[in-house]
Amino acid sequence: MLEDFFTLGKVIARHRTGLFGAHIDGFVEHLRVEGYARQSVRFAVAAVQRFGRWMDNQGLRASDASEKAISEFCRKQCSRSWIQTGGAAALHGLLGRLRRLGIALTPVQPEGEALDRVERDFATYLRQERALSAVTLKNYCPVARLFMDEQFASGSVDLSRLCAVDIHEFVLRRTHSCRPKRLQLILTALRSFLRFLYLRGQIAVPLADRIPAVAGWRLTEPPKWMDAAAIERTLASCDRHSAIGQRDYAILMLLARLGLRAGEIVSMELDDIRWETGEIRVCGKGQERKRFPLPQDVGQAVAAYLKNVRRPCSSRRVFLRTRAPYRGLVWTPN
């Protein structure tokens, strides 16, 4: 299988003799079935080779592959650009395959019932005592659970032994993969969780005060609003001769002409477009579905994307990734 993507025999031999060499052909076949482009497969194989060398230098075996090992490797050995271009994603794909083959162990959930109870109590605190919305709970509770899972991976849950070092290490593991706004949300959720633990007497020190701040420089984020001229310039900047440009142009038309939210566009499905009546159905806040008229120019942009760009796949989402695997876009609120 490697021969389909590499031509030099010595390169193929090097990949097959690495720490993950016995599994690399199967991994490449999996990527090919998922529709990955030739260059993406070559990049993923190079990432696996690099990770394998690092693990070998650490005295680890293929069976020791884990999320923690990948996180440690990325933090110490990799640049942010390497991670953002798919390096870490390739390693997580390899880890998933190793676990399906029974080579790498699936982590045992540490005292699941104890952590479930803490998470439920935290959600109750947010809902009843803080009067926060369901959306906020959906953002905060997974962060609290992830923090606990990482701290108590050994299986022994003892909240009282949490310390400032645990917080700083948790934050550092995310600085490479999270944008500033996303990291701010994670820290806000963690601060709320630690404050909850302190108020309940489960930690003796107010660790919420030890959470570092995230730098938020001016003009580093998109503006909150745009005037008409700026909107037209943004629309004109899309390269409508490329696949990504046609997709982005259709999305921007929905944003500009109908004023839809990002989450509403991401969740839009093919059945939501009523071509015969010129309407579009949108799932807004509270799962309420509303109908909007579909202007001609917006309909033409969406139709061009569906006809020329969108790949056939099992997903019913209108807008898909332009790279394999072809799935619906994901929107993460700030």
Protein backbone atom coordinates (compact mmCIF):
# COMPACT_ATOMS: atom_id res chain seq x y z
CA MET A 1 0.00 0.00 0.00
CA LEU A 2 2.86 2.41 0.71
CA GLU A 3 4.01 1.87 -2.87
CA ASP A 4 0.88 3.72 -4.07
CA PHE A 5 2.06 6.89 -2.31
CA PHE A 6 5.87 6.69 -2.23
CA THR A 7 8.28 5.86 -5.06
CA LEU A 8 11.68 5.57 -3.36
CA GLY A 9 12.35 2.11 -1.96
CA LYS A 10 14.51 3.40 0.88
CA VAL A 11 11.72 5.73 2.03
CA ILE A 12 9.19 2.88 2.01
CA ALA A 13 11.62 0.65 3.91
CA ARG A 14 12.19 3.38 6.53
CA HIS A 15 8.49 3.75 7.17
CA ARG A 16 8.03 -0.01 7.49
CA THR A 17 10.88 -0.42 9.97
CA GLY A 18 9.78 2.31 12.38
CA LEU A 19 8.02 1.71 15.69
CA PHE A 20 4.66 1.58 13.90
CA GLY A 21 6.04 -0.03 10.74
CA ALA A 22 4.01 -3.22 11.13
CA HIS A 23 0.79 -1.19 11.08
CA ILE A 24 1.59 1.56 8.59
CA ASP A 25 0.20 -0.17 5.49
CA GLY A 26 -3.15 -0.78 7.18
CA PHE A 27 -3.23 2.82 8.35
CA VAL A 28 -2.54 4.06 4.82
CA GLU A 29 -5.31 1.85 3.44
CA HIS A 30 -7.71 3.33 6.01
CA LEU A 31 -6.79 6.86 4.89
CA ARG A 32 -7.23 5.92 1.25
CA VAL A 33 -10.73 4.51 1.91
CA GLU A 34 -11.62 7.71 3.78
CA GLY A 35 -10.77 9.71 0.67
CA TYR A 36 -7.59 11.46 1.78
CA ALA A 37 -5.54 13.07 -0.98
CA ARG A 38 -2.11 11.72 -1.88
CA GLN A 39 -0.25 14.60 -0.22
CA SER A 40 -2.33 14.27 2.96
CA VAL A 41 -1.52 10.57 3.20
CA ARG A 42 2.19 11.27 2.76
CA PHE A 43 2.03 13.94 5.49
CA ALA A 44 0.22 11.55 7.86
CA VAL A 45 2.80 8.80 7.28
CA ALA A 46 5.63 11.27 7.97
CA ALA A 47 3.86 12.34 11.18
CA VAL A 48 3.58 8.71 12.32
CA GLN A 49 7.29 8.15 11.56
CA ARG A 50 8.26 11.23 13.55
CA PHE A 51 6.05 10.25 16.50
CA GLY A 52 7.44 6.70 16.40
CA ARG A 53 11.02 7.96 16.63
CA TRP A 54 10.13 10.13 19.62
CA MET A 55 8.39 7.26 21.40
CA ASP A 56 11.34 4.97 20.72
CA ASN A 57 13.71 7.54 22.22
CA GLN A 58 11.48 7.65 25.31
CA GLY A 59 11.72 3.88 25.66
CA LEU A 60 8.05 3.39 24.78
CA ARG A 61 6.42 0.70 22.65
CA ALA A 62 3.58 0.87 20.14
CA SER A 63 1.25 -0.46 22.82
CA ASP A 64 2.07 2.60 24.95
CA ALA A 65 0.48 5.01 22.43
CA SER A 66 -2.13 7.20 24.12
CA GLU A 67 -3.66 10.66 24.09
CA LYS A 68 -1.24 11.66 26.82
CA ALA A 69 1.77 10.52 24.77
CA ILE A 70 0.51 12.42 21.71
CA SER A 71 -0.12 15.54 23.79
CA GLU A 72 3.35 15.35 25.33
CA PHE A 73 4.97 14.83 21.93
CA CYS A 74 3.13 17.77 20.37
CA ARG A 75 3.91 20.06 23.29
CA LYS A 76 7.63 19.32 23.33
CA GLN A 77 8.47 18.52 19.71
CA CYS A 78 5.97 20.21 17.38
CA SER A 79 5.19 23.69 16.19
CA ARG A 80 1.69 25.15 16.29
CA SER A 81 1.55 25.24 12.48
CA TRP A 82 2.42 21.52 12.27
CA ILE A 83 -0.44 20.70 14.63
CA GLN A 84 -2.91 22.95 12.82
CA THR A 85 -2.09 21.42 9.43
CA GLY A 86 -3.13 17.98 10.63
CA GLY A 87 -0.15 16.43 12.39
CA ALA A 88 -1.92 15.77 15.69
CA ALA A 89 -5.09 14.66 13.89
CA ALA A 90 -3.09 12.03 11.98
CA LEU A 91 -1.64 10.67 15.22
CA HIS A 92 -5.07 10.44 16.83
CA GLY A 93 -6.27 8.57 13.74
CA LEU A 94 -3.41 6.11 14.16
CA LEU A 95 -4.23 5.72 17.86
CA GLY A 96 -7.84 4.89 17.03
CA ARG A 97 -6.72 2.18 14.61
CA LEU A 98 -4.26 0.70 17.11
CA ARG A 99 -7.04 0.47 19.68
CA ARG A 100 -9.42 -1.19 17.24
CA LEU A 101 -6.71 -3.78 16.57
CA GLY A 102 -6.20 -4.33 20.29
CA ILE A 103 -2.58 -3.11 20.19
CA ALA A 104 -3.00 0.08 22.22
CA LEU A 105 -5.13 -0.10 25.32
CA THR A 106 -8.41 1.78 25.55
CA PRO A 107 -8.17 3.89 28.73
CA VAL A 108 -10.25 2.65 31.62
CA GLN A 109 -12.61 5.32 32.82
CA PRO A 110 -11.43 6.24 36.32
CA GLU A 111 -14.13 5.60 38.91
CA GLY A 112 -16.77 6.63 36.41
CA GLU A 113 -19.60 6.76 38.93
CA ALA A 114 -17.69 9.11 41.24
CA LEU A 115 -16.84 11.48 38.40
CA ASP A 116 -20.39 11.28 37.04
CA ARG A 117 -21.69 12.36 40.43
CA VAL A 118 -19.32 15.34 40.62
CA GLU A 119 -20.26 16.38 37.09
CA ARG A 120 -23.98 16.14 37.87
CA ASP A 121 -23.55 18.17 41.06
CA PHE A 122 -21.62 20.81 39.12
CA ALA A 123 -24.39 21.00 36.50
CA THR A 124 -27.00 21.38 39.25
CA TYR A 125 -24.95 24.17 40.83
CA LEU A 126 -24.71 26.02 37.52
CA ARG A 127 -28.39 25.63 36.77
CA GLN A 128 -29.94 26.26 40.20
CA GLU A 129 -27.50 28.48 42.06
CA ARG A 130 -25.94 30.37 39.16
CA ALA A 131 -29.11 30.35 36.98
CA LEU A 132 -27.04 29.72 33.87
CA SER A 133 -28.50 28.59 30.56
CA ALA A 134 -28.43 25.09 29.08
CA VAL A 135 -25.94 26.28 26.46
CA THR A 136 -23.54 27.38 29.21
CA LEU A 137 -23.89 24.00 30.92
CA LYS A 138 -23.12 22.33 27.60
CA ASN A 139 -19.91 24.36 27.36
CA TYR A 140 -18.78 24.15 31.00
CA CYS A 141 -19.51 20.55 32.05
CA PRO A 142 -17.34 18.82 29.39
CA VAL A 143 -14.38 20.97 30.44
CA ALA A 144 -14.85 19.96 34.08
CA ARG A 145 -15.08 16.29 33.09
CA LEU A 146 -12.00 16.47 30.86
CA PHE A 147 -10.03 18.10 33.67
CA MET A 148 -11.03 15.35 36.12
CA ASP A 149 -10.35 12.57 33.61
CA GLU A 150 -6.82 13.83 33.06
CA GLN A 151 -6.05 14.37 36.74
CA PHE A 152 -7.38 11.02 37.91
CA ALA A 153 -6.33 8.77 35.05
CA SER A 154 -4.93 6.29 37.57
CA GLY A 155 -8.45 5.55 38.77
CA SER A 156 -8.18 7.01 42.27
CA VAL A 157 -10.38 10.10 42.62
CA ASP A 158 -9.25 12.50 45.34
CA LEU A 159 -10.27 16.08 44.62
CA SER A 160 -8.55 17.35 47.75
CA ARG A 161 -5.08 16.73 46.25
CA LEU A 162 -5.60 19.08 43.29
CA CYS A 163 -3.00 21.84 43.16
CA ALA A 164 -1.91 24.81 41.04
CA VAL A 165 0.57 22.65 39.08
CA ASP A 166 -2.32 20.48 37.84
CA ILE A 167 -4.07 23.57 36.53
CA HIS A 168 -1.02 24.97 34.78
CA GLU A 169 -0.23 21.64 33.08
CA PHE A 170 -3.84 21.30 31.93
CA VAL A 171 -3.69 24.79 30.41
CA LEU A 172 -0.30 24.23 28.76
CA ARG A 173 -1.57 21.10 27.03
CA ARG A 174 -4.14 23.25 25.22
CA THR A 175 -2.13 26.30 24.29
CA HIS A 176 -0.90 24.69 21.05
CA SER A 177 -4.28 23.52 19.78
CA CYS A 178 -6.76 26.19 20.97
CA ARG A 179 -7.29 29.70 19.69
CA PRO A 180 -7.29 32.46 22.31
CA LYS A 181 -11.10 32.80 22.42
CA ARG A 182 -11.58 29.04 22.83
CA LEU A 183 -8.89 28.90 25.51
CA GLN A 184 -10.61 31.76 27.35
CA LEU A 185 -13.85 29.74 27.38
CA ILE A 186 -12.03 26.68 28.73
CA LEU A 187 -10.41 28.71 31.50
CA THR A 188 -13.70 30.38 32.42
CA ALA A 189 -15.36 26.96 32.71
CA LEU A 190 -12.45 25.60 34.76
CA ARG A 191 -12.53 28.65 37.03
CA SER A 192 -16.24 28.09 37.66
CA PHE A 193 -15.65 24.40 38.39
CA LEU A 194 -12.84 25.06 40.86
CA ARG A 195 -14.92 27.72 42.58
CA PHE A 196 -17.72 25.14 42.91
CA LEU A 197 -15.31 22.62 44.48
CA TYR A 198 -14.05 25.25 46.95
CA LEU A 199 -17.56 26.29 47.98
CA ARG A 200 -18.45 22.63 48.57
CA GLY A 201 -15.34 22.13 50.72
CA GLN A 202 -13.87 19.53 48.36
CA ILE A 203 -10.67 21.55 47.95
CA ALA A 204 -9.11 23.57 50.75
CA VAL A 205 -7.49 26.28 48.61
CA PRO A 206 -9.33 28.65 46.20
CA LEU A 207 -7.56 27.30 43.12
CA ALA A 208 -9.79 29.36 40.84
CA ASP A 209 -7.54 32.30 41.69
CA ARG A 210 -4.53 30.42 40.30
CA ILE A 211 -5.85 30.14 36.75
CA PRO A 212 -3.70 32.23 34.39
CA ALA A 213 -5.16 34.85 32.09
CA VAL A 214 -5.14 34.60 28.31
CA ALA A 215 -3.76 37.50 26.33
CA GLY A 216 -6.42 39.03 24.11
CA TRP A 217 -4.78 41.61 21.86
CA ARG A 218 -6.86 44.15 19.99
CA LEU A 219 -7.44 43.64 16.27
CA THR A 220 -6.49 39.94 16.42
CA GLU A 221 -10.10 38.79 16.01
CA PRO A 222 -12.63 39.50 13.23
CA PRO A 223 -14.71 42.65 13.81
CA LYS A 224 -18.12 42.32 15.45
CA TRP A 225 -19.85 44.05 12.53
CA MET A 226 -19.07 45.18 8.99
CA ASP A 227 -20.44 47.96 6.83
CA ALA A 228 -21.93 47.28 3.39
CA ALA A 229 -18.72 48.10 1.52
CA ALA A 230 -16.69 45.74 3.72
CA ILE A 231 -19.23 42.97 3.17
CA GLU A 232 -18.99 43.34 -0.61
CA ARG A 233 -15.20 43.30 -0.43
CA THR A 234 -15.33 40.13 1.67
CA LEU A 235 -17.65 38.43 -0.81
CA ALA A 236 -15.43 39.50 -3.71
CA SER A 237 -12.36 38.06 -1.99
CA CYS A 238 -13.63 34.49 -2.41
CA ASP A 239 -11.91 32.60 -5.22
CA ARG A 240 -15.01 31.15 -6.86
CA HIS A 241 -12.89 29.07 -9.21
CA SER A 242 -11.77 26.89 -6.27
CA ALA A 243 -13.79 24.40 -4.22
CA ILE A 244 -13.15 26.18 -0.91
CA GLY A 245 -13.93 29.54 -2.48
CA GLN A 246 -17.33 28.38 -3.80
CA ARG A 247 -18.24 26.86 -0.44
CA ASP A 248 -17.14 29.93 1.52
CA TYR A 249 -18.94 32.25 -0.89
CA ALA A 250 -22.22 30.36 -0.34
CA ILE A 251 -21.75 30.53 3.44
CA LEU A 252 -20.92 34.23 3.36
CA MET A 253 -24.00 34.92 1.22
CA LEU A 254 -26.19 33.24 3.85
CA LEU A 255 -24.52 35.27 6.57
CA ALA A 256 -24.70 38.58 4.70
CA ARG A 257 -28.11 38.38 3.04
CA LEU A 258 -30.12 36.46 5.65
CA GLY A 259 -28.22 37.39 8.81
CA LEU A 260 -27.95 33.76 9.94
CA ARG A 261 -25.72 32.66 12.79
CA ALA A 262 -22.69 30.47 12.23
CA GLY A 263 -24.24 27.59 14.16
CA GLU A 264 -27.42 27.79 12.09
CA ILE A 265 -25.47 27.48 8.86
CA VAL A 266 -23.32 24.61 10.11
CA SER A 267 -26.37 22.59 11.22
CA MET A 268 -28.29 23.19 7.98
CA GLU A 269 -29.28 20.01 6.14
CA LEU A 270 -30.21 19.31 2.53
CA ASP A 271 -33.89 18.81 3.41
CA ASP A 272 -34.01 22.33 4.89
CA ILE A 273 -33.82 23.89 1.43
CA ARG A 274 -37.19 24.07 -0.36
CA TRP A 275 -36.23 24.85 -3.93
CA GLU A 276 -39.77 24.67 -5.25
CA THR A 277 -41.03 27.38 -2.89
CA GLY A 278 -37.80 29.38 -2.61
CA GLU A 279 -37.55 28.93 1.16
CA ILE A 280 -34.96 27.79 3.62
CA ARG A 281 -35.64 26.30 7.05
CA VAL A 282 -33.29 27.27 9.87
CA CYS A 283 -32.91 25.65 13.28
CA GLY A 284 -32.30 28.56 15.65
CA LYS A 285 -32.00 28.97 19.39
CA GLY A 286 -34.02 26.56 21.50
CA GLN A 287 -34.24 24.19 18.50
CA GLU A 288 -36.96 26.43 17.06
CA ARG A 289 -37.24 26.06 13.28
CA LYS A 290 -38.01 29.16 11.23
CA ARG A 291 -38.55 29.67 7.52
CA PHE A 292 -36.76 32.35 5.53
CA PRO A 293 -37.19 33.38 1.90
CA LEU A 294 -34.26 32.28 -0.24
CA PRO A 295 -33.10 35.24 -2.35
CA GLN A 296 -32.12 34.42 -5.91
CA ASP A 297 -28.44 35.32 -5.54
CA VAL A 298 -28.14 33.28 -2.34
CA GLY A 299 -29.91 30.32 -3.95
CA GLN A 300 -27.59 30.48 -6.95
CA ALA A 301 -24.51 30.48 -4.71
CA VAL A 302 -25.75 27.50 -2.68
CA ALA A 303 -26.83 25.61 -5.82
CA ALA A 304 -23.42 26.16 -7.44
CA TYR A 305 -21.71 24.76 -4.35
CA LEU A 306 -23.99 21.71 -4.23
CA LYS A 307 -23.57 21.02 -7.95
CA ASN A 308 -19.85 21.64 -8.36
CA VAL A 309 -18.18 21.11 -5.00
CA ARG A 310 -20.06 19.03 -2.43
CA ARG A 311 -18.83 15.44 -2.38
CA PRO A 312 -21.28 12.51 -2.19
CA CYS A 313 -21.30 11.10 1.33
CA SER A 314 -23.62 9.82 4.05
CA SER A 315 -23.88 13.21 5.80
CA ARG A 316 -27.05 15.24 5.15
CA ARG A 317 -25.35 18.49 6.14
CA VAL A 318 -25.29 21.10 3.39
CA PHE A 319 -21.75 22.30 4.03
CA LEU A 320 -18.95 19.74 4.32
CA ARG A 321 -15.23 19.75 4.83
CA THR A 322 -13.35 20.02 1.55
CA ARG A 323 -10.79 17.48 2.75
CA ALA A 324 -11.28 13.84 3.68
CA PRO A 325 -13.01 12.51 5.66
CA TYR A 326 -16.02 14.33 4.18
CA ARG A 327 -18.20 15.32 7.12
CA GLY A 328 -20.28 18.28 8.18
CA LEU A 329 -18.48 21.38 9.37
CA VAL A 330 -18.09 21.83 13.12
CA TRP A 331 -18.70 25.14 14.84
CA THR A 332 -17.31 25.81 18.29
CA PRO A 333 -18.74 28.90 20.03
CA ASN A 334 -16.26 31.29 21.60
